[in-house]
Amino acid sequence: MTQVQTRKGSRAAAYLSLTKPRVIELLLATTVPTMFLAAHGVPSLRLVIATLVGGSLAAGGANAFNCVIDRDIDAIMHRTQSRPTATGEITVRQALVWAMTLSLSAVLWLAVTVNLAAAALAAFAIGFYVVGYSILLKRRTSQNIVWGGIAGCMPVLIGWSAVTGGLSWAPLVLFLMVFFWTPPHYWPLSLSYRDDYASAGIPMLPVVKDRQSVAASIVRYSWAMVVVSLVLWPVAGTSAFYPIAASVLGALFLREAHRLQKAARTEAAAQPLRLFHWSITYLALLFAAVAIDPFLH
């Protein structure tokens, strides 16, 4: 490989990293199962692909805007200091053009290939994440991830509207499932990187509250998440498979959350990243159950 090719490959990788691909994967993991539930089976493959492309572009654009806004604090935090906007590898102007291109392409793509409802929801998700979370909430309140997490809940609404053209109670329950999942997913990560957030002046909950208070909040949101996940059973009219799967997965989640709380109370060595990693598995398996259930009626 020539030096020019290497530089081009590195440049492409830098632009890709601005979109935070791993975050996009997690968002899309909730979109497809929602579409299966909305279609009561297998939705059109063309529709699924079109929705995933649009959702990826929307999430990538929003994340790129976030990298521009947070470039100063990203440069301070060890976890994020290698991001291209923090290192200067990608200039602010270049990143903004990239973010706007992805965002506009997402809305136009969804409007043309899916429907206007999905496009409008994607536009709202981008705007809320960029303005609501990144600009207004993140640096001002310890509840930033709670309300900012609304943007991460939007893929289920986009997926449902892509299939049905509108919304109903079932996607709203799915929305709340992800809403209550977000804090017990993110706060354990914040606990592990508390010093990073403190040095950057970001008032994440673990920065402004002690470990016991954070653990108690994680437990409360975990219980709310599990209860809401079971509400989908009567609202969506699922088979018995879904509530059984949700109950088992919820019990495992609650066990980990209470384990973290016990460690906080006894001042034992806690492993918050254990809950963080399990939360990702939990969400993937829970939505896998959502996707499987329509085939069991």
Protein backbone atom coordinates (compact mmCIF):
# COMPACT_ATOMS: atom_id res chain seq x y z
CA MET A 1 0.00 0.00 0.00
CA THR A 2 1.37 3.40 -0.94
CA GLN A 3 1.73 6.27 1.48
CA VAL A 4 -1.02 8.19 -0.37
CA GLN A 5 -3.41 5.24 -0.06
CA THR A 6 -2.60 4.95 3.62
CA ARG A 7 -3.37 8.64 4.17
CA LYS A 8 -6.65 8.32 2.26
CA GLY A 9 -7.61 5.28 4.30
CA SER A 10 -6.73 7.07 7.52
CA ARG A 11 -8.76 10.10 6.44
CA ALA A 12 -11.78 7.96 5.62
CA ALA A 13 -11.46 6.20 8.98
CA ALA A 14 -11.34 9.58 10.73
CA TYR A 15 -14.57 10.74 9.09
CA LEU A 16 -16.19 7.40 9.91
CA SER A 17 -15.14 7.67 13.55
CA LEU A 18 -16.98 11.00 13.82
CA THR A 19 -20.23 9.09 13.28
CA LYS A 20 -19.53 6.81 16.29
CA PRO A 21 -20.33 3.52 14.48
CA ARG A 22 -20.71 1.47 17.67
CA VAL A 23 -23.41 3.82 18.91
CA ILE A 24 -25.19 3.48 15.55
CA GLU A 25 -25.11 -0.32 15.83
CA LEU A 26 -26.87 -0.13 19.18
CA LEU A 27 -29.54 2.22 17.85
CA LEU A 28 -30.26 0.05 14.81
CA ALA A 29 -30.54 -3.03 17.04
CA THR A 30 -33.83 -1.59 18.29
CA THR A 31 -35.11 -0.50 14.87
CA VAL A 32 -35.41 -3.82 13.04
CA PRO A 33 -37.20 -5.73 15.84
CA THR A 34 -39.66 -2.85 16.14
CA MET A 35 -40.38 -3.15 12.41
CA PHE A 36 -41.03 -6.88 12.81
CA LEU A 37 -43.50 -6.20 15.62
CA ALA A 38 -45.21 -3.44 13.63
CA ALA A 39 -45.54 -5.71 10.58
CA HIS A 40 -46.67 -8.72 12.67
CA GLY A 41 -44.00 -10.66 10.82
CA VAL A 42 -41.36 -9.92 8.22
CA PRO A 43 -41.55 -6.39 6.78
CA SER A 44 -40.48 -5.58 3.24
CA LEU A 45 -36.72 -6.10 2.86
CA ARG A 46 -36.53 -2.95 0.75
CA LEU A 47 -38.24 -1.00 3.53
CA VAL A 48 -35.94 -2.40 6.21
CA ILE A 49 -32.82 -1.53 4.22
CA ALA A 50 -34.10 1.96 3.39
CA THR A 51 -34.95 2.60 7.05
CA LEU A 52 -31.57 1.33 8.27
CA VAL A 53 -29.70 3.47 5.74
CA GLY A 54 -31.68 6.55 6.74
CA GLY A 55 -31.30 5.80 10.44
CA SER A 56 -27.56 5.30 10.08
CA LEU A 57 -27.16 8.59 8.23
CA ALA A 58 -29.24 10.42 10.84
CA ALA A 59 -27.36 8.98 13.80
CA GLY A 60 -24.03 9.54 12.09
CA GLY A 61 -24.85 13.16 11.34
CA ALA A 62 -25.99 13.84 14.90
CA ASN A 63 -22.89 12.19 16.33
CA ALA A 64 -20.64 14.21 14.03
CA PHE A 65 -22.28 17.44 15.24
CA ASN A 66 -21.70 16.24 18.80
CA CYS A 67 -17.99 15.73 18.08
CA VAL A 68 -17.75 19.33 16.90
CA ILE A 69 -19.60 20.73 19.93
CA ASP A 70 -17.66 18.60 22.43
CA ARG A 71 -14.22 18.94 20.85
CA ASP A 72 -12.89 20.97 23.80
CA ILE A 73 -13.96 18.50 26.49
CA ASP A 74 -13.12 15.51 24.28
CA ALA A 75 -9.52 16.73 24.23
CA ILE A 76 -9.43 16.66 28.04
CA MET A 77 -11.02 13.25 28.62
CA HIS A 78 -8.83 10.17 28.15
CA ARG A 79 -11.71 8.16 26.69
CA THR A 80 -12.36 10.66 23.89
CA GLN A 81 -9.10 12.56 23.33
CA SER A 82 -8.29 10.63 20.15
CA ARG A 83 -11.43 11.79 18.32
CA PRO A 84 -10.48 13.58 15.07
CA THR A 85 -12.08 16.88 16.07
CA ALA A 86 -10.25 16.80 19.41
CA THR A 87 -6.87 16.13 17.81
CA GLY A 88 -7.41 18.55 14.92
CA GLU A 89 -7.12 15.81 12.31
CA ILE A 90 -10.51 16.94 11.03
CA THR A 91 -11.15 20.69 11.15
CA VAL A 92 -14.34 22.16 12.56
CA ARG A 93 -15.41 23.31 9.09
CA GLN A 94 -14.82 19.88 7.59
CA ALA A 95 -16.68 18.15 10.41
CA LEU A 96 -19.63 20.54 10.15
CA VAL A 97 -19.92 19.98 6.40
CA TRP A 98 -19.79 16.23 7.00
CA ALA A 99 -22.42 16.42 9.77
CA MET A 100 -24.78 18.59 7.72
CA THR A 101 -24.38 16.39 4.65
CA LEU A 102 -25.22 13.24 6.59
CA SER A 103 -28.15 14.84 8.41
CA LEU A 104 -29.78 16.37 5.33
CA SER A 105 -29.20 13.18 3.36
CA ALA A 106 -30.89 11.18 6.12
CA VAL A 107 -34.05 13.28 6.15
CA LEU A 108 -34.30 13.44 2.35
CA TRP A 109 -33.57 9.72 1.99
CA LEU A 110 -36.27 8.74 4.49
CA ALA A 111 -38.78 11.15 2.95
CA VAL A 112 -38.25 9.69 -0.53
CA THR A 113 -37.71 5.99 0.23
CA VAL A 114 -39.76 5.46 3.40
CA ASN A 115 -42.34 8.10 4.35
CA LEU A 116 -42.67 11.63 5.67
CA ALA A 117 -43.44 10.48 9.21
CA ALA A 118 -40.12 8.63 9.49
CA ALA A 119 -38.29 11.60 7.97
CA ALA A 120 -39.88 14.05 10.43
CA LEU A 121 -39.03 11.84 13.41
CA ALA A 122 -35.42 11.53 12.21
CA ALA A 123 -35.17 15.31 11.84
CA PHE A 124 -36.48 15.75 15.38
CA ALA A 125 -34.02 13.15 16.72
CA ILE A 126 -31.07 14.94 15.11
CA GLY A 127 -32.19 18.34 16.35
CA PHE A 128 -32.87 17.15 19.88
CA TYR A 129 -29.54 15.37 20.21
CA VAL A 130 -27.56 18.30 18.84
CA VAL A 131 -29.41 21.20 20.47
CA GLY A 132 -31.28 19.62 23.37
CA TYR A 133 -28.55 17.32 24.64
CA SER A 134 -25.18 18.44 23.28
CA ILE A 135 -25.69 22.20 23.60
CA LEU A 136 -28.32 22.76 26.33
CA LEU A 137 -28.23 19.80 28.71
CA LYS A 138 -24.85 18.05 28.78
CA ARG A 139 -22.85 20.81 30.47
CA ARG A 140 -25.67 22.17 32.65
CA THR A 141 -27.41 19.35 34.53
CA SER A 142 -26.71 15.95 36.06
CA GLN A 143 -29.94 14.77 34.41
CA ASN A 144 -28.36 15.34 31.00
CA ILE A 145 -28.31 11.68 30.00
CA VAL A 146 -31.88 11.11 31.21
CA TRP A 147 -33.51 13.71 28.98
CA GLY A 148 -30.81 13.65 26.34
CA GLY A 149 -31.49 9.94 26.00
CA ILE A 150 -34.76 10.80 24.25
CA ALA A 151 -32.83 11.05 21.00
CA GLY A 152 -31.64 7.46 21.45
CA CYS A 153 -35.24 6.33 21.88
CA MET A 154 -36.32 7.72 18.52
CA PRO A 155 -35.24 4.73 16.33
CA VAL A 156 -38.14 2.66 17.64
CA LEU A 157 -40.60 5.38 16.62
CA ILE A 158 -38.90 5.72 13.24
CA GLY A 159 -38.99 1.96 12.69
CA TRP A 160 -42.66 1.70 13.64
CA SER A 161 -43.73 4.67 11.53
CA ALA A 162 -41.74 3.29 8.58
CA VAL A 163 -44.00 0.23 8.57
CA THR A 164 -47.34 1.72 9.61
CA GLY A 165 -47.06 5.36 8.59
CA GLY A 166 -47.96 6.51 12.10
CA LEU A 167 -47.66 5.75 15.81
CA SER A 168 -49.70 3.92 18.45
CA TRP A 169 -49.35 2.85 22.08
CA ALA A 170 -46.99 -0.07 21.35
CA PRO A 171 -44.13 2.05 19.95
CA LEU A 172 -44.57 4.49 22.83
CA VAL A 173 -44.02 1.61 25.27
CA LEU A 174 -40.92 0.61 23.29
CA PHE A 175 -39.80 4.23 23.49
CA LEU A 176 -40.16 4.20 27.29
CA MET A 177 -38.29 0.90 27.52
CA VAL A 178 -35.25 2.50 25.91
CA PHE A 179 -35.80 5.74 27.86
CA PHE A 180 -35.60 3.99 31.24
CA TRP A 181 -32.77 1.75 30.02
CA THR A 182 -30.48 4.65 29.10
CA PRO A 183 -29.53 5.87 32.63
CA PRO A 184 -28.65 2.42 34.06
CA HIS A 185 -26.71 1.81 30.85
CA TYR A 186 -24.75 5.07 30.86
CA TRP A 187 -24.30 5.87 34.56
CA PRO A 188 -22.12 2.79 35.20
CA LEU A 189 -19.83 4.01 32.41
CA SER A 190 -19.84 7.46 33.99
CA LEU A 191 -18.88 5.90 37.32
CA SER A 192 -15.86 4.29 35.72
CA TYR A 193 -14.81 7.56 34.06
CA ARG A 194 -15.88 9.87 36.86
CA ASP A 195 -12.50 11.63 37.06
CA ASP A 196 -12.56 12.23 33.30
CA TYR A 197 -15.95 13.95 33.47
CA ALA A 198 -14.93 15.91 36.57
CA SER A 199 -11.76 17.21 34.92
CA ALA A 200 -13.81 18.29 31.89
CA GLY A 201 -16.38 20.03 34.08
CA ILE A 202 -19.28 17.86 32.95
CA PRO A 203 -21.87 17.43 35.74
CA MET A 204 -22.60 13.76 35.15
CA LEU A 205 -24.49 12.23 38.07
CA PRO A 206 -21.40 10.39 39.46
CA VAL A 207 -19.56 13.73 39.51
CA VAL A 208 -22.16 15.57 41.61
CA LYS A 209 -23.45 12.64 43.70
CA ASP A 210 -21.72 9.99 45.79
CA ARG A 211 -21.49 6.39 44.64
CA GLN A 212 -24.36 5.20 46.85
CA SER A 213 -26.74 7.82 45.43
CA VAL A 214 -25.78 6.95 41.87
CA ALA A 215 -26.26 3.23 42.53
CA ALA A 216 -29.69 3.91 44.07
CA SER A 217 -30.71 5.88 40.97
CA ILE A 218 -29.50 3.05 38.73
CA VAL A 219 -31.65 0.59 40.68
CA ARG A 220 -34.74 2.82 40.46
CA TYR A 221 -34.46 3.27 36.71
CA SER A 222 -33.73 -0.44 36.28
CA TRP A 223 -36.97 -1.38 38.05
CA ALA A 224 -38.92 1.14 35.97
CA MET A 225 -37.36 -0.30 32.80
CA VAL A 226 -38.31 -3.88 33.69
CA VAL A 227 -41.89 -2.91 34.62
CA VAL A 228 -42.36 -0.96 31.39
CA SER A 229 -40.91 -3.85 29.36
CA LEU A 230 -43.71 -6.08 30.69
CA VAL A 231 -46.37 -3.51 29.76
CA LEU A 232 -45.65 -4.30 26.10
CA TRP A 233 -47.28 -7.72 26.61
CA PRO A 234 -50.90 -6.45 26.93
CA VAL A 235 -50.40 -3.32 24.83
CA ALA A 236 -48.95 -5.10 21.79
CA GLY A 237 -50.84 -8.34 22.37
CA THR A 238 -47.71 -10.49 22.34
CA SER A 239 -47.63 -14.23 22.96
CA ALA A 240 -46.48 -15.65 26.30
CA PHE A 241 -42.94 -15.91 24.93
CA TYR A 242 -42.20 -12.21 25.17
CA PRO A 243 -43.15 -11.61 28.84
CA ILE A 244 -41.27 -14.75 29.88
CA ALA A 245 -38.15 -13.57 28.05
CA ALA A 246 -38.55 -10.02 29.39
CA SER A 247 -38.99 -11.33 32.94
CA VAL A 248 -35.88 -13.51 32.82
CA LEU A 249 -33.75 -10.80 31.24
CA GLY A 250 -35.15 -8.20 33.63
CA ALA A 251 -34.37 -10.37 36.65
CA LEU A 252 -30.77 -10.75 35.48
CA PHE A 253 -30.49 -6.99 34.93
CA LEU A 254 -31.90 -6.23 38.38
CA ARG A 255 -29.48 -8.70 39.96
CA GLU A 256 -26.55 -6.81 38.44
CA ALA A 257 -28.00 -3.43 39.41
CA HIS A 258 -28.54 -4.51 43.02
CA ARG A 259 -25.06 -6.06 43.09
CA LEU A 260 -23.62 -2.66 42.14
CA GLN A 261 -25.73 -0.99 44.83
CA LYS A 262 -24.57 -3.48 47.47
CA ALA A 263 -20.94 -2.81 46.57
CA ALA A 264 -21.59 0.93 46.87
CA ARG A 265 -23.20 0.52 50.30
CA THR A 266 -20.44 -1.66 51.69
CA GLU A 267 -17.73 0.43 50.00
CA ALA A 268 -16.50 -2.73 48.34
CA ALA A 269 -14.67 -2.67 45.03
CA ALA A 270 -17.43 -2.13 42.47
CA GLN A 271 -17.31 -3.19 38.83
CA PRO A 272 -19.67 -0.71 37.14
CA LEU A 273 -18.48 -1.68 33.66
CA ARG A 274 -19.91 -5.14 34.28
CA LEU A 275 -23.42 -3.64 34.35
CA PHE A 276 -22.57 -1.36 31.42
CA HIS A 277 -21.60 -4.30 29.21
CA TRP A 278 -24.53 -6.42 30.40
CA SER A 279 -26.95 -3.59 29.63
CA ILE A 280 -25.96 -3.77 25.96
CA THR A 281 -26.54 -7.53 25.90
CA TYR A 282 -29.84 -7.07 27.72
CA LEU A 283 -31.18 -4.57 25.21
CA ALA A 284 -30.12 -6.72 22.25
CA LEU A 285 -31.74 -9.86 23.69
CA LEU A 286 -34.89 -8.03 24.76
CA PHE A 287 -35.45 -6.63 21.29
CA ALA A 288 -34.57 -10.02 19.79
CA ALA A 289 -37.53 -11.33 21.80
CA VAL A 290 -39.65 -8.50 20.36
CA ALA A 291 -38.65 -9.60 16.83
CA ILE A 292 -39.25 -13.31 17.45
CA ASP A 293 -42.62 -12.99 19.16
CA PRO A 294 -44.75 -12.17 16.06
CA PHE A 295 -43.85 -15.60 14.62
CA LEU A 296 -45.16 -17.44 17.69
CA HIS A 297 -48.82 -16.41 17.43
